Amino acid sequence: MKIKDVASYVFLALAWGFSFLVILKAVHAFGWVGAVAFRSLVAGVTLVLAAALLRRRMDFGFGLFPLAVVGATTVAGQLLGLSYATPRIGTAMAAILVASIPMLSMLIARLWNIERIPPQGVVGLFLGLAGIVMLVGFPAVAVTPTFVLGCASALFGCLCAAVGSVYASQRLKGAGTWEITAGSFLWGGLFSLPLLAAVPVPGTPQPVDYVYLLILGCVMSATTYVLYFRLVSTIGPTRAISVEFAVTVVAVLVGAFALHEPLSALQVVGAATIVCGCALVLGLLPVRLLARLRPAA
């Protein structure tokens, strides 16, 4: 990778890894629905204003419907699921489950007959499933209905992200990264707003809470997704989506050292199993190389 790509990759890992900590702050102030709705609208408006200031023409000639689908899944579905889950299961657990998105994306692509799953991918899927069972079934904390619901919510968010990712790869080919990011976040914010009637903002946010919201919207949403979509075009979708592994590492370290979140030994094994499974699914492990080096019978 070029130095520019490496810098983008590292920035994404750090920004998305620390985002779980900022999510906790935003959810505490705005509620799990408000944090998503306001964050999404801030991200979309930020890119529209930035494009206007930079005199960058945004072309939505490919239609608004595909953006609405991505906004409903990758933005609203994913972020609502994670915002609900993170305070209930912790940043480390939420981040580890997020690492399953590449695995789920390949499974959905196979179900939609977009691509076939190679043998190592099948092994990776089973490893990922086993890792999720270890994470959810053998936690370091008590298994309460709240914990189980939080895990289910996180997995729902991951599934939404995977569906949106596969859909976007087919329907938004050739679309600009600014257009995809701005449009999907604006749609995601609009889809989330009506839910505030059922889950209102819990109190009066403090000035620092608006700073957290701006960080989430401007930096950890608008900037990161533009960089991510650019990485997809420069280094390929497989290598780009592998940043989720680095995100998991950063978030787990943040949870352990900043928030003192416990993880059981079996959960650590489960996390490693998920990462290995996803690496097999993405073809990042040198399976073919090992096969070539194996002595002939």
C-alpha atoms as a PDB file:
ATOM      1  CA  MET A   1       0.000   0.000   0.000  1.00  0.00           C
ATOM      2  CA  LYS A   2       1.056   3.597  -0.576  1.00  0.00           C
ATOM      3  CA  ILE A   3       1.893   5.796   2.415  1.00  0.00           C
ATOM      4  CA  LYS A   4      -1.385   7.670   1.909  1.00  0.00           C
ATOM      5  CA  ASP A   5      -3.334   4.410   2.064  1.00  0.00           C
ATOM      6  CA  VAL A   6      -1.470   3.234   5.161  1.00  0.00           C
ATOM      7  CA  ALA A   7      -2.199   6.545   6.889  1.00  0.00           C
ATOM      8  CA  SER A   8      -5.897   6.248   6.007  1.00  0.00           C
ATOM      9  CA  TYR A   9      -5.973   2.645   7.252  1.00  0.00           C
ATOM     10  CA  VAL A  10      -4.392   3.564  10.588  1.00  0.00           C
ATOM     11  CA  PHE A  11      -6.675   6.579  10.991  1.00  0.00           C
ATOM     12  CA  LEU A  12      -9.761   4.427  10.381  1.00  0.00           C
ATOM     13  CA  ALA A  13      -8.614   1.850  12.930  1.00  0.00           C
ATOM     14  CA  LEU A  14      -8.035   4.501  15.598  1.00  0.00           C
ATOM     15  CA  ALA A  15     -11.137   6.598  14.835  1.00  0.00           C
ATOM     16  CA  TRP A  16     -13.552   3.675  14.697  1.00  0.00           C
ATOM     17  CA  GLY A  17     -11.880   1.959  17.642  1.00  0.00           C
ATOM     18  CA  PHE A  18     -12.236   5.019  19.884  1.00  0.00           C
ATOM     19  CA  SER A  19     -15.728   5.708  18.519  1.00  0.00           C
ATOM     20  CA  PHE A  20     -17.188   3.116  20.902  1.00  0.00           C
ATOM     21  CA  LEU A  21     -16.010   5.224  23.819  1.00  0.00           C
ATOM     22  CA  VAL A  22     -17.541   8.378  22.307  1.00  0.00           C
ATOM     23  CA  ILE A  23     -20.764   6.474  21.576  1.00  0.00           C
ATOM     24  CA  LEU A  24     -21.140   5.797  25.306  1.00  0.00           C
ATOM     25  CA  LYS A  25     -20.902   9.528  26.007  1.00  0.00           C
ATOM     26  CA  ALA A  26     -23.386  10.445  23.262  1.00  0.00           C
ATOM     27  CA  VAL A  27     -25.891   7.742  24.231  1.00  0.00           C
ATOM     28  CA  HIS A  28     -25.778   8.896  27.866  1.00  0.00           C
ATOM     29  CA  ALA A  29     -26.615  12.463  26.800  1.00  0.00           C
ATOM     30  CA  PHE A  30     -28.956  12.006  23.819  1.00  0.00           C
ATOM     31  CA  GLY A  31     -30.282   8.474  24.238  1.00  0.00           C
ATOM     32  CA  TRP A  32     -29.483   5.580  21.929  1.00  0.00           C
ATOM     33  CA  VAL A  33     -31.895   6.823  19.246  1.00  0.00           C
ATOM     34  CA  GLY A  34     -30.998  10.507  19.500  1.00  0.00           C
ATOM     35  CA  ALA A  35     -27.277   9.744  19.323  1.00  0.00           C
ATOM     36  CA  VAL A  36     -27.775   7.966  15.989  1.00  0.00           C
ATOM     37  CA  ALA A  37     -30.291  10.383  14.469  1.00  0.00           C
ATOM     38  CA  PHE A  38     -28.319  13.532  15.321  1.00  0.00           C
ATOM     39  CA  ARG A  39     -24.950  11.947  14.505  1.00  0.00           C
ATOM     40  CA  SER A  40     -26.180  10.862  11.072  1.00  0.00           C
ATOM     41  CA  LEU A  41     -27.659  14.245  10.215  1.00  0.00           C
ATOM     42  CA  VAL A  42     -24.504  16.023  11.385  1.00  0.00           C
ATOM     43  CA  ALA A  43     -22.401  13.742   9.176  1.00  0.00           C
ATOM     44  CA  GLY A  44     -24.583  14.254   6.095  1.00  0.00           C
ATOM     45  CA  VAL A  45     -24.905  18.015   6.505  1.00  0.00           C
ATOM     46  CA  THR A  46     -21.156  18.331   7.161  1.00  0.00           C
ATOM     47  CA  LEU A  47     -20.320  16.745   3.807  1.00  0.00           C
ATOM     48  CA  VAL A  48     -22.920  18.786   1.916  1.00  0.00           C
ATOM     49  CA  LEU A  49     -21.584  22.039   3.409  1.00  0.00           C
ATOM     50  CA  ALA A  50     -17.973  20.987   2.830  1.00  0.00           C
ATOM     51  CA  ALA A  51     -18.741  20.199  -0.807  1.00  0.00           C
ATOM     52  CA  ALA A  52     -20.376  23.617  -1.220  1.00  0.00           C
ATOM     53  CA  LEU A  53     -17.393  25.407   0.354  1.00  0.00           C
ATOM     54  CA  LEU A  54     -14.935  23.452  -1.792  1.00  0.00           C
ATOM     55  CA  ARG A  55     -17.143  23.983  -4.854  1.00  0.00           C
ATOM     56  CA  ARG A  56     -17.262  20.245  -5.318  1.00  0.00           C
ATOM     57  CA  ARG A  57     -20.213  19.210  -7.460  1.00  0.00           C
ATOM     58  CA  MET A  58     -22.156  16.298  -6.006  1.00  0.00           C
ATOM     59  CA  ASP A  59     -23.840  14.119  -8.611  1.00  0.00           C
ATOM     60  CA  PHE A  60     -26.811  12.025  -7.464  1.00  0.00           C
ATOM     61  CA  GLY A  61     -27.770  10.962 -10.954  1.00  0.00           C
ATOM     62  CA  PHE A  62     -27.662   7.298  -9.921  1.00  0.00           C
ATOM     63  CA  GLY A  63     -30.862   7.847  -7.922  1.00  0.00           C
ATOM     64  CA  LEU A  64     -31.884   8.318  -4.310  1.00  0.00           C
ATOM     65  CA  PHE A  65     -33.433   4.896  -3.717  1.00  0.00           C
ATOM     66  CA  PRO A  66     -30.105   3.005  -3.436  1.00  0.00           C
ATOM     67  CA  LEU A  67     -28.924   5.612  -0.929  1.00  0.00           C
ATOM     68  CA  ALA A  68     -32.134   5.130   1.060  1.00  0.00           C
ATOM     69  CA  VAL A  69     -31.459   1.384   1.258  1.00  0.00           C
ATOM     70  CA  VAL A  70     -27.867   1.929   2.401  1.00  0.00           C
ATOM     71  CA  GLY A  71     -29.045   4.607   4.834  1.00  0.00           C
ATOM     72  CA  ALA A  72     -31.630   2.264   6.334  1.00  0.00           C
ATOM     73  CA  THR A  73     -29.164  -0.631   6.712  1.00  0.00           C
ATOM     74  CA  THR A  74     -25.537   0.459   6.967  1.00  0.00           C
ATOM     75  CA  VAL A  75     -26.358   3.691   8.807  1.00  0.00           C
ATOM     76  CA  ALA A  76     -29.643   3.483  10.737  1.00  0.00           C
ATOM     77  CA  GLY A  77     -29.762  -0.274  11.306  1.00  0.00           C
ATOM     78  CA  GLN A  78     -26.104  -0.689  12.177  1.00  0.00           C
ATOM     79  CA  LEU A  79     -25.735   2.392  14.363  1.00  0.00           C
ATOM     80  CA  LEU A  80     -29.031   1.897  16.222  1.00  0.00           C
ATOM     81  CA  GLY A  81     -28.073  -1.686  16.986  1.00  0.00           C
ATOM     82  CA  LEU A  82     -24.616  -0.739  18.256  1.00  0.00           C
ATOM     83  CA  SER A  83     -25.809   2.329  20.169  1.00  0.00           C
ATOM     84  CA  TYR A  84     -28.359   0.214  22.024  1.00  0.00           C
ATOM     85  CA  ALA A  85     -25.877  -2.601  22.623  1.00  0.00           C
ATOM     86  CA  THR A  86     -22.673  -0.818  23.652  1.00  0.00           C
ATOM     87  CA  PRO A  87     -23.829   0.496  27.076  1.00  0.00           C
ATOM     88  CA  ARG A  88     -25.291  -2.943  27.864  1.00  0.00           C
ATOM     89  CA  ILE A  89     -22.453  -5.264  26.821  1.00  0.00           C
ATOM     90  CA  GLY A  90     -19.423  -2.942  26.846  1.00  0.00           C
ATOM     91  CA  THR A  91     -17.216  -1.493  24.132  1.00  0.00           C
ATOM     92  CA  ALA A  92     -14.956  -4.557  23.899  1.00  0.00           C
ATOM     93  CA  MET A  93     -17.801  -7.021  23.328  1.00  0.00           C
ATOM     94  CA  ALA A  94     -19.515  -4.714  20.832  1.00  0.00           C
ATOM     95  CA  ALA A  95     -16.288  -4.199  18.899  1.00  0.00           C
ATOM     96  CA  ILE A  96     -15.511  -7.915  18.778  1.00  0.00           C
ATOM     97  CA  LEU A  97     -18.959  -8.657  17.389  1.00  0.00           C
ATOM     98  CA  VAL A  98     -18.443  -5.927  14.781  1.00  0.00           C
ATOM     99  CA  ALA A  99     -15.498  -7.967  13.489  1.00  0.00           C
ATOM    100  CA  SER A 100     -18.059 -10.471  12.203  1.00  0.00           C
ATOM    101  CA  ILE A 101     -19.311  -8.026   9.534  1.00  0.00           C
ATOM    102  CA  PRO A 102     -16.889  -9.277   6.816  1.00  0.00           C
ATOM    103  CA  MET A 103     -17.992 -12.858   7.518  1.00  0.00           C
ATOM    104  CA  LEU A 104     -21.670 -11.938   7.317  1.00  0.00           C
ATOM    105  CA  SER A 105     -21.063  -9.959   4.119  1.00  0.00           C
ATOM    106  CA  MET A 106     -19.613 -12.997   2.359  1.00  0.00           C
ATOM    107  CA  LEU A 107     -22.496 -15.192   3.540  1.00  0.00           C
ATOM    108  CA  ILE A 108     -25.068 -12.698   2.228  1.00  0.00           C
ATOM    109  CA  ALA A 109     -23.209 -12.368  -1.073  1.00  0.00           C
ATOM    110  CA  ARG A 110     -23.403 -16.157  -1.428  1.00  0.00           C
ATOM    111  CA  LEU A 111     -27.117 -16.251  -0.595  1.00  0.00           C
ATOM    112  CA  TRP A 112     -27.727 -13.559  -3.218  1.00  0.00           C
ATOM    113  CA  ASN A 113     -25.670 -15.565  -5.767  1.00  0.00           C
ATOM    114  CA  ILE A 114     -23.188 -12.733  -6.122  1.00  0.00           C
ATOM    115  CA  GLU A 115     -20.131 -14.832  -5.281  1.00  0.00           C
ATOM    116  CA  ARG A 116     -19.371 -18.355  -4.168  1.00  0.00           C
ATOM    117  CA  ILE A 117     -17.699 -19.238  -0.891  1.00  0.00           C
ATOM    118  CA  PRO A 118     -14.354 -21.054  -1.264  1.00  0.00           C
ATOM    119  CA  PRO A 119     -13.555 -23.992   1.054  1.00  0.00           C
ATOM    120  CA  GLN A 120     -11.468 -21.863   3.416  1.00  0.00           C
ATOM    121  CA  GLY A 121     -14.361 -19.407   3.552  1.00  0.00           C
ATOM    122  CA  VAL A 122     -16.706 -22.159   4.742  1.00  0.00           C
ATOM    123  CA  VAL A 123     -14.227 -23.049   7.475  1.00  0.00           C
ATOM    124  CA  GLY A 124     -14.016 -19.371   8.387  1.00  0.00           C
ATOM    125  CA  LEU A 125     -17.798 -19.088   8.686  1.00  0.00           C
ATOM    126  CA  PHE A 126     -17.948 -22.006  11.117  1.00  0.00           C
ATOM    127  CA  LEU A 127     -15.036 -20.574  13.127  1.00  0.00           C
ATOM    128  CA  GLY A 128     -16.775 -17.209  13.306  1.00  0.00           C
ATOM    129  CA  LEU A 129     -20.002 -18.829  14.493  1.00  0.00           C
ATOM    130  CA  ALA A 130     -18.108 -20.767  17.161  1.00  0.00           C
ATOM    131  CA  GLY A 131     -16.396 -17.570  18.305  1.00  0.00           C
ATOM    132  CA  ILE A 132     -19.706 -15.746  18.650  1.00  0.00           C
ATOM    133  CA  VAL A 133     -21.079 -18.613  20.751  1.00  0.00           C
ATOM    134  CA  MET A 134     -18.050 -18.385  23.055  1.00  0.00           C
ATOM    135  CA  LEU A 135     -18.433 -14.618  23.367  1.00  0.00           C
ATOM    136  CA  VAL A 136     -22.143 -14.613  24.135  1.00  0.00           C
ATOM    137  CA  GLY A 137     -22.388 -17.878  26.052  1.00  0.00           C
ATOM    138  CA  PHE A 138     -19.402 -17.564  28.375  1.00  0.00           C
ATOM    139  CA  PRO A 139     -18.998 -13.907  29.393  1.00  0.00           C
ATOM    140  CA  ALA A 140     -17.065 -12.561  32.369  1.00  0.00           C
ATOM    141  CA  VAL A 141     -20.263 -10.915  33.602  1.00  0.00           C
ATOM    142  CA  ALA A 142     -23.605 -12.399  34.561  1.00  0.00           C
ATOM    143  CA  VAL A 143     -25.760 -13.534  31.656  1.00  0.00           C
ATOM    144  CA  THR A 144     -28.826 -11.361  32.178  1.00  0.00           C
ATOM    145  CA  PRO A 145     -31.713 -10.638  29.779  1.00  0.00           C
ATOM    146  CA  THR A 146     -30.179  -7.187  29.269  1.00  0.00           C
ATOM    147  CA  PHE A 147     -26.845  -8.707  28.253  1.00  0.00           C
ATOM    148  CA  VAL A 148     -28.471 -11.171  25.839  1.00  0.00           C
ATOM    149  CA  LEU A 149     -30.631  -8.428  24.329  1.00  0.00           C
ATOM    150  CA  GLY A 150     -27.555  -6.241  23.934  1.00  0.00           C
ATOM    151  CA  CYS A 151     -25.675  -9.003  22.107  1.00  0.00           C
ATOM    152  CA  ALA A 152     -28.679  -9.626  19.858  1.00  0.00           C
ATOM    153  CA  SER A 153     -28.882  -5.905  19.112  1.00  0.00           C
ATOM    154  CA  ALA A 154     -25.180  -5.751  18.206  1.00  0.00           C
ATOM    155  CA  LEU A 155     -25.504  -8.752  15.888  1.00  0.00           C
ATOM    156  CA  PHE A 156     -28.575  -7.165  14.285  1.00  0.00           C
ATOM    157  CA  GLY A 157     -26.508  -4.032  13.640  1.00  0.00           C
ATOM    158  CA  CYS A 158     -23.711  -6.128  12.118  1.00  0.00           C
ATOM    159  CA  LEU A 159     -26.203  -7.929   9.886  1.00  0.00           C
ATOM    160  CA  CYS A 160     -27.609  -4.590   8.696  1.00  0.00           C
ATOM    161  CA  ALA A 161     -24.093  -3.358   7.938  1.00  0.00           C
ATOM    162  CA  ALA A 162     -23.337  -6.508   5.942  1.00  0.00           C
ATOM    163  CA  VAL A 163     -26.566  -6.259   3.924  1.00  0.00           C
ATOM    164  CA  GLY A 164     -25.914  -2.599   3.141  1.00  0.00           C
ATOM    165  CA  SER A 165     -22.317  -3.286   2.182  1.00  0.00           C
ATOM    166  CA  VAL A 166     -23.215  -6.027  -0.295  1.00  0.00           C
ATOM    167  CA  TYR A 167     -26.101  -3.990  -1.713  1.00  0.00           C
ATOM    168  CA  ALA A 168     -23.910  -0.895  -2.161  1.00  0.00           C
ATOM    169  CA  SER A 169     -21.204  -2.930  -3.902  1.00  0.00           C
ATOM    170  CA  GLN A 170     -23.763  -3.911  -6.551  1.00  0.00           C
ATOM    171  CA  ARG A 171     -26.012  -0.856  -6.888  1.00  0.00           C
ATOM    172  CA  LEU A 172     -23.589   2.013  -6.269  1.00  0.00           C
ATOM    173  CA  LYS A 173     -20.666   1.057  -8.470  1.00  0.00           C
ATOM    174  CA  GLY A 174     -19.048   4.166  -9.862  1.00  0.00           C
ATOM    175  CA  ALA A 175     -20.845   6.527  -7.479  1.00  0.00           C
ATOM    176  CA  GLY A 176     -18.724   9.148  -5.736  1.00  0.00           C
ATOM    177  CA  THR A 177     -17.587   8.533  -2.166  1.00  0.00           C
ATOM    178  CA  TRP A 178     -18.885  11.913  -0.999  1.00  0.00           C
ATOM    179  CA  GLU A 179     -22.276  11.279  -2.562  1.00  0.00           C
ATOM    180  CA  ILE A 180     -22.603   7.792  -1.040  1.00  0.00           C
ATOM    181  CA  THR A 181     -21.549   8.945   2.416  1.00  0.00           C
ATOM    182  CA  ALA A 182     -23.602  12.154   2.508  1.00  0.00           C
ATOM    183  CA  GLY A 183     -26.724  10.600   1.013  1.00  0.00           C
ATOM    184  CA  SER A 184     -26.717   7.459   3.154  1.00  0.00           C
ATOM    185  CA  PHE A 185     -26.163   9.380   6.400  1.00  0.00           C
ATOM    186  CA  LEU A 186     -28.902  11.890   5.594  1.00  0.00           C
ATOM    187  CA  TRP A 187     -31.307   9.034   4.882  1.00  0.00           C
ATOM    188  CA  GLY A 188     -30.155   7.208   8.011  1.00  0.00           C
ATOM    189  CA  GLY A 189     -30.814  10.285  10.121  1.00  0.00           C
ATOM    190  CA  LEU A 190     -34.276  10.759   8.615  1.00  0.00           C
ATOM    191  CA  PHE A 191     -35.162   7.112   9.227  1.00  0.00           C
ATOM    192  CA  SER A 192     -34.008   7.358  12.858  1.00  0.00           C
ATOM    193  CA  LEU A 193     -35.683  10.651  13.776  1.00  0.00           C
ATOM    194  CA  PRO A 194     -39.275   9.308  14.137  1.00  0.00           C
ATOM    195  CA  LEU A 195     -38.063   6.823  16.771  1.00  0.00           C
ATOM    196  CA  LEU A 196     -37.415   9.766  19.100  1.00  0.00           C
ATOM    197  CA  ALA A 197     -41.155   9.758  19.805  1.00  0.00           C
ATOM    198  CA  ALA A 198     -40.702   6.391  21.527  1.00  0.00           C
ATOM    199  CA  VAL A 199     -37.169   6.946  22.903  1.00  0.00           C
ATOM    200  CA  PRO A 200     -36.813  10.694  23.605  1.00  0.00           C
ATOM    201  CA  VAL A 201     -33.655  12.490  24.680  1.00  0.00           C
ATOM    202  CA  PRO A 202     -33.349  11.621  28.407  1.00  0.00           C
ATOM    203  CA  GLY A 203     -32.422  15.092  29.676  1.00  0.00           C
ATOM    204  CA  THR A 204     -30.701  18.358  28.864  1.00  0.00           C
ATOM    205  CA  PRO A 205     -27.329  17.719  27.173  1.00  0.00           C
ATOM    206  CA  GLN A 206     -24.333  19.688  28.400  1.00  0.00           C
ATOM    207  CA  PRO A 207     -22.054  21.707  26.073  1.00  0.00           C
ATOM    208  CA  VAL A 208     -19.420  18.944  26.141  1.00  0.00           C
ATOM    209  CA  ASP A 209     -22.060  16.476  24.939  1.00  0.00           C
ATOM    210  CA  TYR A 210     -22.468  18.480  21.737  1.00  0.00           C
ATOM    211  CA  VAL A 211     -18.703  18.251  21.271  1.00  0.00           C
ATOM    212  CA  TYR A 212     -18.953  14.447  21.468  1.00  0.00           C
ATOM    213  CA  LEU A 213     -21.793  14.547  18.948  1.00  0.00           C
ATOM    214  CA  LEU A 214     -19.769  16.679  16.540  1.00  0.00           C
ATOM    215  CA  ILE A 215     -16.795  14.330  16.877  1.00  0.00           C
ATOM    216  CA  LEU A 216     -19.042  11.365  16.090  1.00  0.00           C
ATOM    217  CA  GLY A 217     -20.691  13.059  13.135  1.00  0.00           C
ATOM    218  CA  CYS A 218     -17.879  15.054  11.556  1.00  0.00           C
ATOM    219  CA  VAL A 219     -14.836  12.885  12.264  1.00  0.00           C
ATOM    220  CA  MET A 220     -15.990   9.346  13.058  1.00  0.00           C
ATOM    221  CA  SER A 221     -18.728   9.264  10.404  1.00  0.00           C
ATOM    222  CA  ALA A 222     -18.311  11.793   7.581  1.00  0.00           C
ATOM    223  CA  THR A 223     -14.503  11.766   7.363  1.00  0.00           C
ATOM    224  CA  THR A 224     -13.998   8.071   8.076  1.00  0.00           C
ATOM    225  CA  TYR A 225     -16.538   6.791   5.549  1.00  0.00           C
ATOM    226  CA  VAL A 226     -15.172   8.990   2.782  1.00  0.00           C
ATOM    227  CA  LEU A 227     -11.700   7.613   3.533  1.00  0.00           C
ATOM    228  CA  TYR A 228     -13.032   4.061   3.725  1.00  0.00           C
ATOM    229  CA  PHE A 229     -14.764   4.222   0.348  1.00  0.00           C
ATOM    230  CA  ARG A 230     -11.593   5.721  -1.131  1.00  0.00           C
ATOM    231  CA  LEU A 231      -9.600   2.803   0.304  1.00  0.00           C
ATOM    232  CA  VAL A 232     -12.026   0.362  -1.296  1.00  0.00           C
ATOM    233  CA  SER A 233     -11.226   1.892  -4.679  1.00  0.00           C
ATOM    234  CA  THR A 234      -7.449   2.004  -4.142  1.00  0.00           C
ATOM    235  CA  ILE A 235      -6.577  -1.218  -2.286  1.00  0.00           C
ATOM    236  CA  GLY A 236      -9.705  -3.279  -2.936  1.00  0.00           C
ATOM    237  CA  PRO A 237     -12.734  -4.158  -0.803  1.00  0.00           C
ATOM    238  CA  THR A 238     -11.161  -7.227   0.846  1.00  0.00           C
ATOM    239  CA  ARG A 239      -8.113  -5.425   2.158  1.00  0.00           C
ATOM    240  CA  ALA A 240     -10.144  -2.349   3.058  1.00  0.00           C
ATOM    241  CA  ILE A 241     -12.741  -4.210   5.121  1.00  0.00           C
ATOM    242  CA  SER A 242      -9.962  -5.996   7.013  1.00  0.00           C
ATOM    243  CA  VAL A 243      -9.590  -2.732   8.965  1.00  0.00           C
ATOM    244  CA  GLU A 244     -12.411  -4.097  11.155  1.00  0.00           C
ATOM    245  CA  PHE A 245      -9.837  -6.400  12.771  1.00  0.00           C
ATOM    246  CA  ALA A 246      -7.643  -3.451  13.735  1.00  0.00           C
ATOM    247  CA  VAL A 247     -10.747  -1.593  14.967  1.00  0.00           C
ATOM    248  CA  THR A 248     -11.548  -4.520  17.257  1.00  0.00           C
ATOM    249  CA  VAL A 249      -8.040  -4.511  18.736  1.00  0.00           C
ATOM    250  CA  VAL A 250      -8.155  -0.758  19.423  1.00  0.00           C
ATOM    251  CA  ALA A 251     -11.654  -0.915  20.940  1.00  0.00           C
ATOM    252  CA  VAL A 252     -10.799  -3.879  23.170  1.00  0.00           C
ATOM    253  CA  LEU A 253      -7.724  -2.046  24.473  1.00  0.00           C
ATOM    254  CA  VAL A 254      -9.823   1.078  25.089  1.00  0.00           C
ATOM    255  CA  GLY A 255     -12.409  -0.981  26.952  1.00  0.00           C
ATOM    256  CA  ALA A 256      -9.806  -2.780  29.039  1.00  0.00           C
ATOM    257  CA  PHE A 257      -7.588   0.165  29.995  1.00  0.00           C
ATOM    258  CA  ALA A 258      -9.954   3.170  29.907  1.00  0.00           C
ATOM    259  CA  LEU A 259     -13.179   1.551  31.087  1.00  0.00           C
ATOM    260  CA  HIS A 260     -11.774  -1.503  32.956  1.00  0.00           C
ATOM    261  CA  GLU A 261     -14.172  -3.867  31.162  1.00  0.00           C
ATOM    262  CA  PRO A 262     -13.655  -7.557  32.015  1.00  0.00           C
ATOM    263  CA  LEU A 263     -13.304 -10.339  29.453  1.00  0.00           C
ATOM    264  CA  SER A 264     -13.239 -14.022  30.375  1.00  0.00           C
ATOM    265  CA  ALA A 265     -10.452 -16.272  29.073  1.00  0.00           C
ATOM    266  CA  LEU A 266     -12.946 -18.109  26.862  1.00  0.00           C
ATOM    267  CA  GLN A 267     -14.152 -14.804  25.429  1.00  0.00           C
ATOM    268  CA  VAL A 268     -10.572 -13.927  24.492  1.00  0.00           C
ATOM    269  CA  VAL A 269     -10.355 -17.284  22.710  1.00  0.00           C
ATOM    270  CA  GLY A 270     -13.694 -16.528  21.060  1.00  0.00           C
ATOM    271  CA  ALA A 271     -12.431 -13.158  19.870  1.00  0.00           C
ATOM    272  CA  ALA A 272      -9.327 -14.745  18.366  1.00  0.00           C
ATOM    273  CA  THR A 273     -11.520 -17.401  16.737  1.00  0.00           C
ATOM    274  CA  ILE A 274     -13.724 -14.756  15.113  1.00  0.00           C
ATOM    275  CA  VAL A 275     -10.697 -12.865  13.811  1.00  0.00           C
ATOM    276  CA  CYS A 276      -9.198 -16.070  12.351  1.00  0.00           C
ATOM    277  CA  GLY A 277     -12.543 -17.007  10.839  1.00  0.00           C
ATOM    278  CA  CYS A 278     -12.963 -13.615   9.212  1.00  0.00           C
ATOM    279  CA  ALA A 279      -9.387 -13.713   7.941  1.00  0.00           C
ATOM    280  CA  LEU A 280     -10.165 -17.050   6.263  1.00  0.00           C
ATOM    281  CA  VAL A 281     -13.378 -15.639   4.826  1.00  0.00           C
ATOM    282  CA  LEU A 282     -11.493 -12.655   3.408  1.00  0.00           C
ATOM    283  CA  GLY A 283      -8.658 -14.808   2.115  1.00  0.00           C
ATOM    284  CA  LEU A 284      -6.106 -12.950   4.220  1.00  0.00           C
ATOM    285  CA  LEU A 285      -4.476 -16.076   5.638  1.00  0.00           C
ATOM    286  CA  PRO A 286      -1.859 -17.703   3.363  1.00  0.00           C
ATOM    287  CA  VAL A 287      -3.874 -20.905   2.874  1.00  0.00           C
ATOM    288  CA  ARG A 288      -2.952 -21.314  -0.773  1.00  0.00           C
ATOM    289  CA  LEU A 289       0.691 -20.587  -0.086  1.00  0.00           C
ATOM    290  CA  LEU A 290       0.790 -23.259   2.636  1.00  0.00           C
ATOM    291  CA  ALA A 291      -0.837 -25.715   0.271  1.00  0.00           C
ATOM    292  CA  ARG A 292       1.852 -25.052  -2.331  1.00  0.00           C
ATOM    293  CA  LEU A 293       4.607 -25.526   0.223  1.00  0.00           C
ATOM    294  CA  ARG A 294       3.136 -28.852   1.399  1.00  0.00           C
ATOM    295  CA  PRO A 295       5.170 -31.818   0.060  1.00  0.00           C
ATOM    296  CA  ALA A 296       3.523 -33.723  -2.788  1.00  0.00           C
ATOM    297  CA  ALA A 297       2.234 -37.207  -1.919  1.00  0.00           C
END
